[in-house]
Amino acid sequence: MASANDFPVGYKFHPRDEELVGYYMRNKVRGAPFKDENVIPDNDLYGSMEARDIWKNNGGQTLRKGEDLYFFTKLKPTSSKGTGSRVARTIGSGTWHGQNSGTKVKDPKTKETIGWWKRFTYANTKYLQKNGYWIMHEFSLDPKLAMSIKSNNSRTSNSDDYVVCRIRKNYDKKRKADDREETRVVESQRKKIQRKFENIDESYVTPVSFEVVEDVNTNRYPQQQKPQQEQRINLQHNGFVNNVDHCYNQQQ
């Protein structure tokens, strides 16, 4: 059951934070077996393998939103001597970028601090579109508790250098990236259409007479029509008067 593909049908692994620390991390440090063999496999999350390959090789593409992958991984000091408190966070060509300094994980019964968890997001200067595509929660046993377990158990070795990590796909980040890509395509098409209209030959465009424009703007048409109508009325009136005069003269 080293990957999501190996889980039985219907198997869901959703441990709580205190279970990851109080049971799985505690037993990892003690060197004790787990209830489900290899339910959390070892994997180098701070090595040369890319995040996308770790996700794919362990069945991440079959998981739905809200389902995660879990791994034990060993911390690697940045010092070449293997000492010091600073830890290397590289993964393939990218890095795990820290989002917080650490949050306490407490035992639900005793309310004592049993561990810590830190939040990281994937960052890659080479593939900027992949930034934030994965989120990792790193759980570690409290140093005092780890030291107490190690001093009381001869089977412990360097297991206290391990952490348990929960990796999930950032679907919101993917959706936003898809939205930006769609916006970019629409904007590109809009610019192409705009350039096409700008390159139309002006000889095919019927010129508009400045005189017509001026007539429309100054509202001259109604003013021109009015004298013509008055002229026709006057002519009709004059003709009627002439006819009356002609008939009168004939009667005389």
C-alpha atoms as a PDB file:
ATOM      1  CA  MET A   1       0.000   0.000   0.000  1.00  0.00           C
ATOM      2  CA  ALA A   2       2.832   2.341  -0.865  1.00  0.00           C
ATOM      3  CA  SER A   3       0.698   4.464  -3.185  1.00  0.00           C
ATOM      4  CA  ALA A   4      -2.910   5.463  -3.646  1.00  0.00           C
ATOM      5  CA  ASN A   5      -3.173   2.928  -6.478  1.00  0.00           C
ATOM      6  CA  ASP A   6      -2.470   0.071  -4.018  1.00  0.00           C
ATOM      7  CA  PHE A   7      -5.243   0.946  -1.573  1.00  0.00           C
ATOM      8  CA  PRO A   8      -8.233  -1.429  -1.481  1.00  0.00           C
ATOM      9  CA  VAL A   9     -11.443  -0.215  -3.129  1.00  0.00           C
ATOM     10  CA  GLY A  10     -13.268   2.134  -0.786  1.00  0.00           C
ATOM     11  CA  TYR A  11     -10.244   2.651   1.468  1.00  0.00           C
ATOM     12  CA  LYS A  12      -9.972   6.237   2.675  1.00  0.00           C
ATOM     13  CA  PHE A  13      -7.010   7.435   4.702  1.00  0.00           C
ATOM     14  CA  HIS A  14      -7.832  10.677   6.488  1.00  0.00           C
ATOM     15  CA  PRO A  15      -5.855  10.790   9.758  1.00  0.00           C
ATOM     16  CA  ARG A  16      -6.197  13.804  12.012  1.00  0.00           C
ATOM     17  CA  ASP A  17      -3.211  15.991  12.827  1.00  0.00           C
ATOM     18  CA  GLU A  18      -2.858  14.560  16.334  1.00  0.00           C
ATOM     19  CA  GLU A  19      -2.970  11.022  14.894  1.00  0.00           C
ATOM     20  CA  LEU A  20      -0.205  11.771  12.400  1.00  0.00           C
ATOM     21  CA  VAL A  21       1.994  12.994  15.229  1.00  0.00           C
ATOM     22  CA  GLY A  22       0.839  10.988  18.233  1.00  0.00           C
ATOM     23  CA  TYR A  23       0.605   7.605  16.502  1.00  0.00           C
ATOM     24  CA  TYR A  24       2.487   7.524  13.213  1.00  0.00           C
ATOM     25  CA  MET A  25       5.393   9.841  14.055  1.00  0.00           C
ATOM     26  CA  ARG A  26       5.717   8.442  17.577  1.00  0.00           C
ATOM     27  CA  ASN A  27       5.909   4.860  16.251  1.00  0.00           C
ATOM     28  CA  LYS A  28       8.320   5.935  13.504  1.00  0.00           C
ATOM     29  CA  VAL A  29      10.696   7.290  16.121  1.00  0.00           C
ATOM     30  CA  ARG A  30      10.215   4.216  18.338  1.00  0.00           C
ATOM     31  CA  GLY A  31      10.821   1.890  15.404  1.00  0.00           C
ATOM     32  CA  ALA A  32       7.498   0.168  16.100  1.00  0.00           C
ATOM     33  CA  PRO A  33       5.217  -1.264  13.389  1.00  0.00           C
ATOM     34  CA  PHE A  34       1.975   0.393  12.337  1.00  0.00           C
ATOM     35  CA  LYS A  35      -1.499  -1.076  12.351  1.00  0.00           C
ATOM     36  CA  ASP A  36      -1.589  -0.948   8.510  1.00  0.00           C
ATOM     37  CA  GLU A  37       1.735  -1.998   7.040  1.00  0.00           C
ATOM     38  CA  ASN A  38       3.432   0.757   5.049  1.00  0.00           C
ATOM     39  CA  VAL A  39       0.272   2.871   4.973  1.00  0.00           C
ATOM     40  CA  ILE A  40       2.641   5.864   4.952  1.00  0.00           C
ATOM     41  CA  PRO A  41       5.643   4.942   2.776  1.00  0.00           C
ATOM     42  CA  ASP A  42       9.076   6.528   2.846  1.00  0.00           C
ATOM     43  CA  ASN A  43       9.779   8.970   0.021  1.00  0.00           C
ATOM     44  CA  ASP A  44      12.427  11.616  -0.532  1.00  0.00           C
ATOM     45  CA  LEU A  45      10.448  14.850  -0.778  1.00  0.00           C
ATOM     46  CA  TYR A  46      13.637  16.920  -0.566  1.00  0.00           C
ATOM     47  CA  GLY A  47      15.522  15.202  -3.359  1.00  0.00           C
ATOM     48  CA  SER A  48      16.013  15.314  -7.123  1.00  0.00           C
ATOM     49  CA  MET A  49      12.569  14.026  -8.146  1.00  0.00           C
ATOM     50  CA  GLU A  50      10.100  16.626  -9.385  1.00  0.00           C
ATOM     51  CA  ALA A  51       6.892  17.242  -7.445  1.00  0.00           C
ATOM     52  CA  ARG A  52       4.752  16.330 -10.456  1.00  0.00           C
ATOM     53  CA  ASP A  53       6.513  12.960 -10.745  1.00  0.00           C
ATOM     54  CA  ILE A  54       6.078  12.184  -7.047  1.00  0.00           C
ATOM     55  CA  TRP A  55       2.393  13.021  -7.359  1.00  0.00           C
ATOM     56  CA  LYS A  56       1.937  10.933 -10.530  1.00  0.00           C
ATOM     57  CA  ASN A  57       4.033   7.931  -9.464  1.00  0.00           C
ATOM     58  CA  ASN A  58       2.049   7.525  -6.256  1.00  0.00           C
ATOM     59  CA  GLY A  59      -1.424   7.710  -7.773  1.00  0.00           C
ATOM     60  CA  GLY A  60      -2.093  11.373  -7.137  1.00  0.00           C
ATOM     61  CA  GLN A  61      -3.905  11.722 -10.479  1.00  0.00           C
ATOM     62  CA  THR A  62      -6.565   9.256  -9.254  1.00  0.00           C
ATOM     63  CA  LEU A  63      -7.340  11.262  -6.122  1.00  0.00           C
ATOM     64  CA  ARG A  64     -10.282  13.607  -5.856  1.00  0.00           C
ATOM     65  CA  LYS A  65     -10.380  17.053  -4.299  1.00  0.00           C
ATOM     66  CA  GLY A  66      -9.891  16.656  -0.549  1.00  0.00           C
ATOM     67  CA  GLU A  67      -7.801  13.474  -0.854  1.00  0.00           C
ATOM     68  CA  ASP A  68      -4.081  13.587  -0.084  1.00  0.00           C
ATOM     69  CA  LEU A  69      -0.849  11.632  -0.294  1.00  0.00           C
ATOM     70  CA  TYR A  70       1.181  10.883   2.865  1.00  0.00           C
ATOM     71  CA  PHE A  71       4.916  10.195   3.112  1.00  0.00           C
ATOM     72  CA  PHE A  72       7.678   9.869   5.644  1.00  0.00           C
ATOM     73  CA  THR A  73      10.709  11.841   4.528  1.00  0.00           C
ATOM     74  CA  LYS A  74      14.020  12.609   6.141  1.00  0.00           C
ATOM     75  CA  LEU A  75      15.111  16.166   6.816  1.00  0.00           C
ATOM     76  CA  LYS A  76      18.377  17.305   5.233  1.00  0.00           C
ATOM     77  CA  PRO A  77      20.494  19.995   6.874  1.00  0.00           C
ATOM     78  CA  THR A  78      21.857  22.677   4.568  1.00  0.00           C
ATOM     79  CA  SER A  79      25.281  22.289   6.158  1.00  0.00           C
ATOM     80  CA  SER A  80      27.670  20.033   4.264  1.00  0.00           C
ATOM     81  CA  LYS A  81      28.667  18.491   7.605  1.00  0.00           C
ATOM     82  CA  GLY A  82      25.114  17.355   8.222  1.00  0.00           C
ATOM     83  CA  THR A  83      24.737  19.534  11.284  1.00  0.00           C
ATOM     84  CA  GLY A  84      22.806  22.688  12.073  1.00  0.00           C
ATOM     85  CA  SER A  85      19.147  23.603  12.389  1.00  0.00           C
ATOM     86  CA  ARG A  86      18.645  24.905   8.845  1.00  0.00           C
ATOM     87  CA  VAL A  87      16.955  22.400   6.516  1.00  0.00           C
ATOM     88  CA  ALA A  88      17.154  22.176   2.729  1.00  0.00           C
ATOM     89  CA  ARG A  89      13.707  22.511   1.106  1.00  0.00           C
ATOM     90  CA  THR A  90      14.563  21.839  -2.541  1.00  0.00           C
ATOM     91  CA  ILE A  91      12.514  19.375  -4.585  1.00  0.00           C
ATOM     92  CA  GLY A  92      13.701  18.664  -8.110  1.00  0.00           C
ATOM     93  CA  SER A  93      14.071  21.982  -9.915  1.00  0.00           C
ATOM     94  CA  GLY A  94      11.787  23.715  -7.398  1.00  0.00           C
ATOM     95  CA  THR A  95      11.499  24.328  -3.684  1.00  0.00           C
ATOM     96  CA  TRP A  96       8.997  24.053  -0.860  1.00  0.00           C
ATOM     97  CA  HIS A  97       8.301  27.626   0.201  1.00  0.00           C
ATOM     98  CA  GLY A  98       7.376  28.016   3.884  1.00  0.00           C
ATOM     99  CA  GLN A  99       4.078  29.733   4.705  1.00  0.00           C
ATOM    100  CA  ASN A 100       4.295  29.763   8.498  1.00  0.00           C
ATOM    101  CA  SER A 101       6.836  29.287  11.263  1.00  0.00           C
ATOM    102  CA  GLY A 102       5.014  26.338  12.812  1.00  0.00           C
ATOM    103  CA  THR A 103       1.784  25.514  14.630  1.00  0.00           C
ATOM    104  CA  LYS A 104       1.492  23.377  17.734  1.00  0.00           C
ATOM    105  CA  VAL A 105      -0.184  19.974  17.612  1.00  0.00           C
ATOM    106  CA  LYS A 106      -1.629  19.046  20.998  1.00  0.00           C
ATOM    107  CA  ASP A 107      -2.825  15.812  22.508  1.00  0.00           C
ATOM    108  CA  PRO A 108      -6.646  16.071  22.630  1.00  0.00           C
ATOM    109  CA  LYS A 109      -6.726  14.458  26.103  1.00  0.00           C
ATOM    110  CA  THR A 110      -3.782  15.958  27.965  1.00  0.00           C
ATOM    111  CA  LYS A 111      -3.651  19.216  25.950  1.00  0.00           C
ATOM    112  CA  GLU A 112       0.138  18.886  25.910  1.00  0.00           C
ATOM    113  CA  THR A 113       2.171  19.816  22.857  1.00  0.00           C
ATOM    114  CA  ILE A 114       3.198  16.623  21.075  1.00  0.00           C
ATOM    115  CA  GLY A 115       4.382  18.059  17.777  1.00  0.00           C
ATOM    116  CA  TRP A 116       4.403  20.810  15.192  1.00  0.00           C
ATOM    117  CA  TRP A 117       3.159  21.272  11.665  1.00  0.00           C
ATOM    118  CA  LYS A 118       4.309  23.684   8.964  1.00  0.00           C
ATOM    119  CA  ARG A 119       2.651  24.656   5.696  1.00  0.00           C
ATOM    120  CA  PHE A 120       4.576  24.855   2.416  1.00  0.00           C
ATOM    121  CA  THR A 121       3.671  25.628  -1.172  1.00  0.00           C
ATOM    122  CA  TYR A 122       5.531  24.521  -4.263  1.00  0.00           C
ATOM    123  CA  ALA A 123       7.606  27.182  -6.020  1.00  0.00           C
ATOM    124  CA  ASN A 124       9.625  26.959  -9.227  1.00  0.00           C
ATOM    125  CA  THR A 125      11.423  29.847 -10.915  1.00  0.00           C
ATOM    126  CA  LYS A 126      11.839  27.794 -14.097  1.00  0.00           C
ATOM    127  CA  TYR A 127       8.169  26.885 -14.467  1.00  0.00           C
ATOM    128  CA  LEU A 128       6.298  29.827 -12.985  1.00  0.00           C
ATOM    129  CA  GLN A 129       2.920  28.460 -14.088  1.00  0.00           C
ATOM    130  CA  LYS A 130       3.423  25.583 -11.631  1.00  0.00           C
ATOM    131  CA  ASN A 131       3.915  27.832  -8.617  1.00  0.00           C
ATOM    132  CA  GLY A 132       1.451  26.947  -5.884  1.00  0.00           C
ATOM    133  CA  TYR A 133       0.186  23.816  -7.665  1.00  0.00           C
ATOM    134  CA  TRP A 134       0.984  21.640  -4.638  1.00  0.00           C
ATOM    135  CA  ILE A 135       0.601  22.219  -0.910  1.00  0.00           C
ATOM    136  CA  MET A 136       2.529  20.295   1.722  1.00  0.00           C
ATOM    137  CA  HIS A 137       1.920  20.022   5.467  1.00  0.00           C
ATOM    138  CA  GLU A 138       4.983  18.842   7.330  1.00  0.00           C
ATOM    139  CA  PHE A 139       4.432  17.214  10.764  1.00  0.00           C
ATOM    140  CA  SER A 140       7.230  16.654  13.236  1.00  0.00           C
ATOM    141  CA  LEU A 141       7.382  15.224  16.724  1.00  0.00           C
ATOM    142  CA  ASP A 142       8.118  17.679  19.493  1.00  0.00           C
ATOM    143  CA  PRO A 143      11.919  17.602  20.120  1.00  0.00           C
ATOM    144  CA  LYS A 144      11.500  16.996  23.872  1.00  0.00           C
ATOM    145  CA  LEU A 145       9.141  14.096  23.251  1.00  0.00           C
ATOM    146  CA  ALA A 146      11.426  12.653  20.566  1.00  0.00           C
ATOM    147  CA  MET A 147      14.413  12.844  22.935  1.00  0.00           C
ATOM    148  CA  SER A 148      12.434  11.163  25.712  1.00  0.00           C
ATOM    149  CA  ILE A 149      11.374   8.307  23.407  1.00  0.00           C
ATOM    150  CA  LYS A 150      14.920   7.871  22.117  1.00  0.00           C
ATOM    151  CA  SER A 151      16.446   7.699  25.581  1.00  0.00           C
ATOM    152  CA  ASN A 152      13.947   5.069  26.712  1.00  0.00           C
ATOM    153  CA  ASN A 153      14.081   2.885  23.612  1.00  0.00           C
ATOM    154  CA  SER A 154      17.189   1.163  22.284  1.00  0.00           C
ATOM    155  CA  ARG A 155      15.623   0.501  18.883  1.00  0.00           C
ATOM    156  CA  THR A 156      15.568   4.166  17.893  1.00  0.00           C
ATOM    157  CA  SER A 157      18.298   5.450  15.621  1.00  0.00           C
ATOM    158  CA  ASN A 158      18.040   8.451  13.334  1.00  0.00           C
ATOM    159  CA  SER A 159      14.272   8.120  13.021  1.00  0.00           C
ATOM    160  CA  ASP A 160      13.843  11.373  14.922  1.00  0.00           C
ATOM    161  CA  ASP A 161      15.168  13.153  11.805  1.00  0.00           C
ATOM    162  CA  TYR A 162      12.043  12.081   9.923  1.00  0.00           C
ATOM    163  CA  VAL A 163       8.843  14.022   9.385  1.00  0.00           C
ATOM    164  CA  VAL A 164       5.499  12.940   7.983  1.00  0.00           C
ATOM    165  CA  CYS A 165       4.181  15.014   5.097  1.00  0.00           C
ATOM    166  CA  ARG A 166       0.727  15.446   3.643  1.00  0.00           C
ATOM    167  CA  ILE A 167       0.689  16.562  -0.003  1.00  0.00           C
ATOM    168  CA  ARG A 168      -2.371  17.800  -1.829  1.00  0.00           C
ATOM    169  CA  LYS A 169      -3.122  19.332  -5.207  1.00  0.00           C
ATOM    170  CA  ASN A 170      -4.098  22.989  -5.102  1.00  0.00           C
ATOM    171  CA  TYR A 171      -7.189  22.818  -7.311  1.00  0.00           C
ATOM    172  CA  ASP A 172      -8.025  26.490  -6.691  1.00  0.00           C
ATOM    173  CA  LYS A 173      -4.633  27.451  -8.077  1.00  0.00           C
ATOM    174  CA  LYS A 174      -5.233  25.291 -11.153  1.00  0.00           C
ATOM    175  CA  ARG A 175      -8.655  26.845 -11.703  1.00  0.00           C
ATOM    176  CA  LYS A 176      -7.214  30.353 -11.488  1.00  0.00           C
ATOM    177  CA  ALA A 177      -4.454  29.408 -13.894  1.00  0.00           C
ATOM    178  CA  ASP A 178      -7.039  28.033 -16.329  1.00  0.00           C
ATOM    179  CA  ASP A 179      -9.039  31.258 -16.005  1.00  0.00           C
ATOM    180  CA  ARG A 180      -5.945  33.333 -16.743  1.00  0.00           C
ATOM    181  CA  GLU A 181      -5.173  31.175 -19.774  1.00  0.00           C
ATOM    182  CA  GLU A 182      -8.729  31.588 -21.074  1.00  0.00           C
ATOM    183  CA  THR A 183      -8.513  35.350 -20.559  1.00  0.00           C
ATOM    184  CA  ARG A 184      -5.196  35.425 -22.402  1.00  0.00           C
ATOM    185  CA  VAL A 185      -6.664  33.541 -25.398  1.00  0.00           C
ATOM    186  CA  VAL A 186      -9.715  35.827 -25.570  1.00  0.00           C
ATOM    187  CA  GLU A 187      -7.525  38.932 -25.365  1.00  0.00           C
ATOM    188  CA  SER A 188      -5.260  37.565 -28.127  1.00  0.00           C
ATOM    189  CA  GLN A 189      -8.256  36.929 -30.390  1.00  0.00           C
ATOM    190  CA  ARG A 190      -9.613  40.403 -29.702  1.00  0.00           C
ATOM    191  CA  LYS A 191      -6.309  41.988 -30.711  1.00  0.00           C
ATOM    192  CA  LYS A 192      -6.201  39.927 -33.925  1.00  0.00           C
ATOM    193  CA  ILE A 193      -9.688  41.118 -34.883  1.00  0.00           C
ATOM    194  CA  GLN A 194      -8.739  44.691 -34.069  1.00  0.00           C
ATOM    195  CA  ARG A 195      -5.620  44.508 -36.260  1.00  0.00           C
ATOM    196  CA  LYS A 196      -7.665  43.003 -39.090  1.00  0.00           C
ATOM    197  CA  PHE A 197     -10.054  45.969 -39.082  1.00  0.00           C
ATOM    198  CA  GLU A 198      -7.183  48.431 -38.892  1.00  0.00           C
ATOM    199  CA  ASN A 199      -5.635  46.915 -42.039  1.00  0.00           C
ATOM    200  CA  ILE A 200      -8.794  47.284 -44.204  1.00  0.00           C
ATOM    201  CA  ASP A 201      -8.076  49.251 -47.459  1.00  0.00           C
ATOM    202  CA  GLU A 202      -9.579  52.716 -47.084  1.00  0.00           C
ATOM    203  CA  SER A 203     -10.457  52.770 -50.800  1.00  0.00           C
ATOM    204  CA  TYR A 204     -13.294  50.344 -50.094  1.00  0.00           C
ATOM    205  CA  VAL A 205     -14.866  52.713 -47.584  1.00  0.00           C
ATOM    206  CA  THR A 206     -17.416  55.132 -49.110  1.00  0.00           C
ATOM    207  CA  PRO A 207     -16.328  58.673 -48.223  1.00  0.00           C
ATOM    208  CA  VAL A 208     -18.794  60.845 -46.410  1.00  0.00           C
ATOM    209  CA  SER A 209     -19.379  64.323 -47.902  1.00  0.00           C
ATOM    210  CA  PHE A 210     -18.417  67.112 -45.586  1.00  0.00           C
ATOM    211  CA  GLU A 211     -21.342  69.101 -47.000  1.00  0.00           C
ATOM    212  CA  VAL A 212     -23.789  66.385 -45.996  1.00  0.00           C
ATOM    213  CA  VAL A 213     -22.238  66.150 -42.572  1.00  0.00           C
ATOM    214  CA  GLU A 214     -22.484  69.884 -42.209  1.00  0.00           C
ATOM    215  CA  ASP A 215     -26.120  69.864 -43.319  1.00  0.00           C
ATOM    216  CA  VAL A 216     -26.945  67.133 -40.814  1.00  0.00           C
ATOM    217  CA  ASN A 217     -25.104  68.871 -38.012  1.00  0.00           C
ATOM    218  CA  THR A 218     -26.623  72.326 -38.713  1.00  0.00           C
ATOM    219  CA  ASN A 219     -30.137  70.947 -39.364  1.00  0.00           C
ATOM    220  CA  ARG A 220     -30.380  72.772 -42.722  1.00  0.00           C
ATOM    221  CA  TYR A 221     -32.725  70.326 -44.387  1.00  0.00           C
ATOM    222  CA  PRO A 222     -35.899  71.478 -42.579  1.00  0.00           C
ATOM    223  CA  GLN A 223     -34.921  75.110 -43.275  1.00  0.00           C
ATOM    224  CA  GLN A 224     -34.549  74.401 -46.998  1.00  0.00           C
ATOM    225  CA  GLN A 225     -37.808  72.512 -47.230  1.00  0.00           C
ATOM    226  CA  LYS A 226     -39.811  75.277 -45.603  1.00  0.00           C
ATOM    227  CA  PRO A 227     -39.186  77.945 -48.323  1.00  0.00           C
ATOM    228  CA  GLN A 228     -39.992  75.409 -51.064  1.00  0.00           C
ATOM    229  CA  GLN A 229     -43.339  74.587 -49.449  1.00  0.00           C
ATOM    230  CA  GLU A 230     -44.186  78.292 -49.046  1.00  0.00           C
ATOM    231  CA  GLN A 231     -43.274  78.895 -52.709  1.00  0.00           C
ATOM    232  CA  ARG A 232     -45.622  76.150 -53.889  1.00  0.00           C
ATOM    233  CA  ILE A 233     -48.482  77.552 -51.784  1.00  0.00           C
ATOM    234  CA  ASN A 234     -47.900  81.020 -53.179  1.00  0.00           C
ATOM    235  CA  LEU A 235     -47.940  79.740 -56.748  1.00  0.00           C
ATOM    236  CA  GLN A 236     -51.166  77.860 -56.116  1.00  0.00           C
ATOM    237  CA  HIS A 237     -52.723  80.965 -54.571  1.00  0.00           C
ATOM    238  CA  ASN A 238     -51.642  83.208 -57.449  1.00  0.00           C
ATOM    239  CA  GLY A 239     -53.036  80.740 -59.949  1.00  0.00           C
ATOM    240  CA  PHE A 240     -56.383  80.676 -58.174  1.00  0.00           C
ATOM    241  CA  VAL A 241     -56.543  84.488 -58.149  1.00  0.00           C
ATOM    242  CA  ASN A 242     -55.699  84.667 -61.863  1.00  0.00           C
ATOM    243  CA  ASN A 243     -58.454  82.188 -62.679  1.00  0.00           C
ATOM    244  CA  VAL A 244     -61.010  84.229 -60.716  1.00  0.00           C
ATOM    245  CA  ASP A 245     -59.961  87.410 -62.487  1.00  0.00           C
ATOM    246  CA  HIS A 246     -60.170  85.707 -65.861  1.00  0.00           C
ATOM    247  CA  CYS A 247     -63.719  84.419 -65.231  1.00  0.00           C
ATOM    248  CA  TYR A 248     -64.839  87.870 -64.019  1.00  0.00           C
ATOM    249  CA  ASN A 249     -63.507  89.604 -67.091  1.00  0.00           C
ATOM    250  CA  GLN A 250     -65.344  87.190 -69.369  1.00  0.00           C
ATOM    251  CA  GLN A 251     -68.666  87.868 -67.630  1.00  0.00           C
ATOM    252  CA  GLN A 252     -68.257  91.565 -68.198  1.00  0.00           C
END
